[in-house]
C-alpha atoms as a PDB file:
ATOM      1  CA  MET A   1       0.000   0.000   0.000  1.00  0.00           C
ATOM      2  CA  ASP A   2       1.260   3.450  -0.905  1.00  0.00           C
ATOM      3  CA  GLN A   3       2.012   5.859   1.958  1.00  0.00           C
ATOM      4  CA  SER A   4      -0.492   8.320   0.522  1.00  0.00           C
ATOM      5  CA  GLN A   5      -3.301   5.812   1.142  1.00  0.00           C
ATOM      6  CA  GLN A   6      -2.420   5.549   4.824  1.00  0.00           C
ATOM      7  CA  ASP A   7      -3.244   7.785   7.716  1.00  0.00           C
ATOM      8  CA  ASN A   8      -0.722   8.514  10.439  1.00  0.00           C
ATOM      9  CA  GLN A   9      -1.627   5.304  12.308  1.00  0.00           C
ATOM     10  CA  GLY A  10      -0.897   3.174   9.246  1.00  0.00           C
ATOM     11  CA  GLY A  11      -4.524   2.277   8.455  1.00  0.00           C
ATOM     12  CA  LEU A  12      -6.086   2.446   5.008  1.00  0.00           C
ATOM     13  CA  LEU A  13      -7.802   5.742   4.191  1.00  0.00           C
ATOM     14  CA  LEU A  14     -11.268   5.526   2.670  1.00  0.00           C
ATOM     15  CA  THR A  15     -13.402   8.328   1.325  1.00  0.00           C
ATOM     16  CA  PRO A  16     -16.790   8.618   3.079  1.00  0.00           C
ATOM     17  CA  GLU A  17     -18.482   7.387  -0.130  1.00  0.00           C
ATOM     18  CA  GLY A  18     -16.073   4.471  -0.481  1.00  0.00           C
ATOM     19  CA  ASN A  19     -16.566   3.506   3.153  1.00  0.00           C
ATOM     20  CA  LEU A  20     -20.353   3.491   2.672  1.00  0.00           C
ATOM     21  CA  ALA A  21     -20.110   1.436  -0.534  1.00  0.00           C
ATOM     22  CA  LEU A  22     -17.878  -1.181   1.128  1.00  0.00           C
ATOM     23  CA  HIS A  23     -20.212  -1.401   4.143  1.00  0.00           C
ATOM     24  CA  LYS A  24     -23.166  -1.926   1.779  1.00  0.00           C
ATOM     25  CA  GLU A  25     -21.222  -4.664  -0.012  1.00  0.00           C
ATOM     26  CA  LEU A  26     -20.463  -6.385   3.311  1.00  0.00           C
ATOM     27  CA  GLU A  27     -24.117  -6.155   4.358  1.00  0.00           C
ATOM     28  CA  PHE A  28     -25.250  -7.645   1.026  1.00  0.00           C
ATOM     29  CA  LEU A  29     -22.754 -10.511   1.239  1.00  0.00           C
ATOM     30  CA  THR A  30     -23.604 -11.399   4.852  1.00  0.00           C
ATOM     31  CA  MET A  31     -27.357 -10.776   4.816  1.00  0.00           C
ATOM     32  CA  VAL A  32     -28.281 -11.875   1.264  1.00  0.00           C
ATOM     33  CA  LYS A  33     -25.553 -13.815  -0.524  1.00  0.00           C
ATOM     34  CA  ARG A  34     -24.317 -16.021   2.336  1.00  0.00           C
ATOM     35  CA  PRO A  35     -27.835 -17.282   3.288  1.00  0.00           C
ATOM     36  CA  GLU A  36     -28.713 -17.739  -0.406  1.00  0.00           C
ATOM     37  CA  ILE A  37     -25.695 -19.989  -0.989  1.00  0.00           C
ATOM     38  CA  ALA A  38     -26.341 -21.969   2.210  1.00  0.00           C
ATOM     39  CA  GLU A  39     -29.952 -22.530   1.124  1.00  0.00           C
ATOM     40  CA  ARG A  40     -28.871 -23.717  -2.346  1.00  0.00           C
ATOM     41  CA  ILE A  41     -26.512 -26.254  -0.764  1.00  0.00           C
ATOM     42  CA  ARG A  42     -29.167 -27.385   1.760  1.00  0.00           C
ATOM     43  CA  GLU A  43     -31.872 -27.828  -0.885  1.00  0.00           C
ATOM     44  CA  SER A  44     -29.594 -29.761  -3.186  1.00  0.00           C
ATOM     45  CA  LEU A  45     -28.437 -32.082  -0.426  1.00  0.00           C
ATOM     46  CA  GLN A  46     -32.052 -32.744   0.632  1.00  0.00           C
ATOM     47  CA  HIS A  47     -32.989 -33.643  -2.917  1.00  0.00           C
ATOM     48  CA  GLY A  48     -29.915 -35.795  -3.362  1.00  0.00           C
ATOM     49  CA  GLU A  49     -28.883 -33.878  -6.467  1.00  0.00           C
ATOM     50  CA  PHE A  50     -25.214 -33.770  -5.539  1.00  0.00           C
ATOM     51  CA  SER A  51     -22.905 -36.682  -6.003  1.00  0.00           C
ATOM     52  CA  GLU A  52     -19.146 -36.750  -5.552  1.00  0.00           C
ATOM     53  CA  ASP A  53     -18.516 -35.884  -9.187  1.00  0.00           C
ATOM     54  CA  ASN A  54     -21.242 -33.229  -9.407  1.00  0.00           C
ATOM     55  CA  SER A  55     -19.825 -30.019 -10.883  1.00  0.00           C
ATOM     56  CA  GLU A  56     -22.785 -27.988  -9.579  1.00  0.00           C
ATOM     57  CA  LEU A  57     -21.737 -28.697  -5.988  1.00  0.00           C
ATOM     58  CA  ASP A  58     -18.190 -27.653  -6.832  1.00  0.00           C
ATOM     59  CA  GLU A  59     -19.480 -24.413  -8.351  1.00  0.00           C
ATOM     60  CA  VAL A  60     -21.643 -23.571  -5.323  1.00  0.00           C
ATOM     61  CA  LYS A  61     -18.815 -24.390  -2.909  1.00  0.00           C
ATOM     62  CA  PHE A  62     -16.409 -22.269  -4.981  1.00  0.00           C
ATOM     63  CA  GLU A  63     -18.898 -19.382  -4.891  1.00  0.00           C
ATOM     64  CA  GLN A  64     -19.264 -19.892  -1.134  1.00  0.00           C
ATOM     65  CA  ALA A  65     -15.485 -19.729  -0.693  1.00  0.00           C
ATOM     66  CA  MET A  66     -15.287 -16.535  -2.784  1.00  0.00           C
ATOM     67  CA  VAL A  67     -18.042 -14.874  -0.735  1.00  0.00           C
ATOM     68  CA  GLU A  68     -16.456 -15.905   2.582  1.00  0.00           C
ATOM     69  CA  ASN A  69     -13.036 -14.656   1.428  1.00  0.00           C
ATOM     70  CA  ARG A  70     -14.507 -11.287   0.413  1.00  0.00           C
ATOM     71  CA  ILE A  71     -16.368 -10.990   3.740  1.00  0.00           C
ATOM     72  CA  ALA A  72     -13.110 -11.681   5.593  1.00  0.00           C
ATOM     73  CA  GLU A  73     -11.258  -9.169   3.400  1.00  0.00           C
ATOM     74  CA  LEU A  74     -13.850  -6.446   4.050  1.00  0.00           C
ATOM     75  CA  LYS A  75     -13.842  -7.096   7.801  1.00  0.00           C
ATOM     76  CA  GLY A  76     -10.054  -6.840   7.746  1.00  0.00           C
ATOM     77  CA  ILE A  77     -10.249  -3.529   5.898  1.00  0.00           C
ATOM     78  CA  PHE A  78     -12.716  -2.102   8.406  1.00  0.00           C
ATOM     79  CA  GLY A  79     -10.475  -3.256  11.261  1.00  0.00           C
ATOM     80  CA  THR A  80      -7.742  -0.833  10.198  1.00  0.00           C
ATOM     81  CA  ALA A  81      -9.408   1.679   7.853  1.00  0.00           C
ATOM     82  CA  GLN A  82      -9.924   5.315   8.681  1.00  0.00           C
ATOM     83  CA  VAL A  83     -12.546   7.436   6.946  1.00  0.00           C
ATOM     84  CA  LEU A  84     -11.045  10.541   5.415  1.00  0.00           C
ATOM     85  CA  ASP A  85     -12.306  13.802   6.877  1.00  0.00           C
ATOM     86  CA  PRO A  86     -13.630  15.762   3.878  1.00  0.00           C
ATOM     87  CA  ASP A  87     -12.064  18.947   5.311  1.00  0.00           C
ATOM     88  CA  ALA A  88      -8.645  17.249   5.155  1.00  0.00           C
ATOM     89  CA  ILE A  89      -8.829  16.794   1.374  1.00  0.00           C
ATOM     90  CA  PRO A  90      -6.329  19.213  -0.163  1.00  0.00           C
ATOM     91  CA  THR A  91      -7.406  21.728  -2.800  1.00  0.00           C
ATOM     92  CA  ASP A  92      -4.062  23.474  -3.404  1.00  0.00           C
ATOM     93  CA  TYR A  93      -2.510  20.252  -4.767  1.00  0.00           C
ATOM     94  CA  VAL A  94      -3.793  16.823  -5.825  1.00  0.00           C
ATOM     95  CA  GLY A  95      -4.003  14.549  -2.808  1.00  0.00           C
ATOM     96  CA  PHE A  96      -5.969  11.631  -1.523  1.00  0.00           C
ATOM     97  CA  GLY A  97      -9.696  12.265  -2.019  1.00  0.00           C
ATOM     98  CA  SER A  98      -9.173  15.248  -4.355  1.00  0.00           C
ATOM     99  CA  LYS A  99     -11.545  15.801  -7.248  1.00  0.00           C
ATOM    100  CA  VAL A 100      -9.439  16.853 -10.201  1.00  0.00           C
ATOM    101  CA  THR A 101     -10.738  18.455 -13.371  1.00  0.00           C
ATOM    102  CA  VAL A 102      -8.331  17.739 -16.212  1.00  0.00           C
ATOM    103  CA  PHE A 103      -8.156  18.771 -19.847  1.00  0.00           C
ATOM    104  CA  ASP A 104      -7.229  16.012 -22.299  1.00  0.00           C
ATOM    105  CA  GLU A 105      -4.921  17.734 -24.774  1.00  0.00           C
ATOM    106  CA  GLN A 106      -5.356  15.050 -27.467  1.00  0.00           C
ATOM    107  CA  PHE A 107      -9.165  14.930 -27.504  1.00  0.00           C
ATOM    108  CA  LYS A 108      -9.680  18.555 -26.396  1.00  0.00           C
ATOM    109  CA  GLU A 109     -12.134  17.624 -23.657  1.00  0.00           C
ATOM    110  CA  GLU A 110     -12.441  18.229 -19.945  1.00  0.00           C
ATOM    111  CA  PHE A 111     -13.443  15.632 -17.345  1.00  0.00           C
ATOM    112  CA  GLU A 112     -13.246  15.056 -13.601  1.00  0.00           C
ATOM    113  CA  VAL A 113     -11.680  12.212 -11.620  1.00  0.00           C
ATOM    114  CA  ARG A 114     -11.364  11.544  -7.908  1.00  0.00           C
ATOM    115  CA  ILE A 115      -8.181  10.137  -6.372  1.00  0.00           C
ATOM    116  CA  VAL A 116      -8.988   7.173  -4.099  1.00  0.00           C
ATOM    117  CA  ALA A 117      -7.383   4.067  -2.587  1.00  0.00           C
ATOM    118  CA  SER A 118      -7.067   1.086  -4.910  1.00  0.00           C
ATOM    119  CA  ILE A 119      -9.824  -0.748  -2.957  1.00  0.00           C
ATOM    120  CA  GLU A 120     -12.272   2.015  -4.021  1.00  0.00           C
ATOM    121  CA  ALA A 121     -11.017   2.512  -7.572  1.00  0.00           C
ATOM    122  CA  ASP A 122     -13.579   2.250 -10.361  1.00  0.00           C
ATOM    123  CA  PRO A 123     -12.524   3.920 -13.620  1.00  0.00           C
ATOM    124  CA  ASN A 124     -16.100   3.605 -14.942  1.00  0.00           C
ATOM    125  CA  LYS A 125     -17.167   5.988 -12.151  1.00  0.00           C
ATOM    126  CA  ASP A 126     -14.064   8.198 -12.565  1.00  0.00           C
ATOM    127  CA  LEU A 127     -12.617   6.936  -9.263  1.00  0.00           C
ATOM    128  CA  ILE A 128      -8.896   6.631  -9.970  1.00  0.00           C
ATOM    129  CA  SER A 129      -6.402   4.881  -7.707  1.00  0.00           C
ATOM    130  CA  ASN A 130      -3.391   6.931  -6.736  1.00  0.00           C
ATOM    131  CA  ASP A 131      -1.387   3.783  -7.635  1.00  0.00           C
ATOM    132  CA  SER A 132      -2.617   3.889 -11.249  1.00  0.00           C
ATOM    133  CA  PRO A 133      -0.455   5.578 -13.910  1.00  0.00           C
ATOM    134  CA  MET A 134      -2.842   8.549 -14.105  1.00  0.00           C
ATOM    135  CA  GLY A 135      -3.301   8.814 -10.337  1.00  0.00           C
ATOM    136  CA  ALA A 136       0.441   8.644  -9.703  1.00  0.00           C
ATOM    137  CA  ALA A 137       1.070  11.348 -12.336  1.00  0.00           C
ATOM    138  CA  LEU A 138      -1.585  13.634 -10.815  1.00  0.00           C
ATOM    139  CA  PHE A 139      -0.643  13.079  -7.169  1.00  0.00           C
ATOM    140  CA  GLY A 140       1.094  16.081  -5.607  1.00  0.00           C
ATOM    141  CA  GLN A 141       0.594  18.327  -8.664  1.00  0.00           C
ATOM    142  CA  GLU A 142      -0.924  21.804  -8.511  1.00  0.00           C
ATOM    143  CA  SER A 143      -3.640  23.416 -10.601  1.00  0.00           C
ATOM    144  CA  GLY A 144      -2.278  24.491 -13.996  1.00  0.00           C
ATOM    145  CA  ALA A 145       0.332  21.709 -14.140  1.00  0.00           C
ATOM    146  CA  SER A 146       0.641  19.524 -17.209  1.00  0.00           C
ATOM    147  CA  ILE A 147       1.158  15.808 -16.678  1.00  0.00           C
ATOM    148  CA  GLU A 148       2.197  13.017 -18.974  1.00  0.00           C
ATOM    149  CA  PHE A 149       1.941   9.287 -18.314  1.00  0.00           C
ATOM    150  CA  GLN A 150       1.870   5.963 -20.117  1.00  0.00           C
ATOM    151  CA  ALA A 151      -1.627   4.472 -20.285  1.00  0.00           C
ATOM    152  CA  PRO A 152      -2.488   1.051 -21.750  1.00  0.00           C
ATOM    153  CA  GLU A 153      -3.616   2.761 -24.973  1.00  0.00           C
ATOM    154  CA  GLY A 154      -0.509   4.961 -25.194  1.00  0.00           C
ATOM    155  CA  LYS A 155       0.976   8.170 -23.838  1.00  0.00           C
ATOM    156  CA  LYS A 156      -1.522  10.654 -22.371  1.00  0.00           C
ATOM    157  CA  ARG A 157      -1.117  14.384 -21.717  1.00  0.00           C
ATOM    158  CA  TYR A 158      -3.475  16.249 -19.409  1.00  0.00           C
ATOM    159  CA  LYS A 159      -3.518  19.709 -17.911  1.00  0.00           C
ATOM    160  CA  ILE A 160      -4.936  20.160 -14.408  1.00  0.00           C
ATOM    161  CA  VAL A 161      -7.763  22.699 -14.657  1.00  0.00           C
ATOM    162  CA  SER A 162      -8.915  22.681 -11.026  1.00  0.00           C
ATOM    163  CA  ILE A 163      -8.736  20.755  -7.753  1.00  0.00           C
ATOM    164  CA  SER A 164     -11.637  20.509  -5.305  1.00  0.00           C
ATOM    165  CA  ARG A 165     -13.126  18.416  -2.531  1.00  0.00           C
END
């Protein structure tokens, strides 16, 4: 984990929105998914549908293992995570939690991204990890700065238009 994702006690920093989303995911997995999988196993065993070479049982047990691993991972995150105070998000430079408006010099368009921990990252929602090429290039920069980085589709050049919370 990058230092910039950690608070001064060494725990993972989460944005308030990211913290809420992860708590909702944990609630869904424990209250909906876990009982659903247990019921599927119970029903199948009662009906004698599973035999030792039944791939359906393997699939359900694999899904159960994935759900239990994710529940354990989320509980571990919440054991050390700190929720970022919105007032602590910097606006004079790009930092953790910053919303950054950038201008794409190639396509001549402006868009906004938010710098978050990798656990929260979702490029489809413009949530960019500070460990990603773009996030790393933006991190620590001030408004007006031009950045360049290597993306999977090639070299990108952006200018930072503004930084906000």
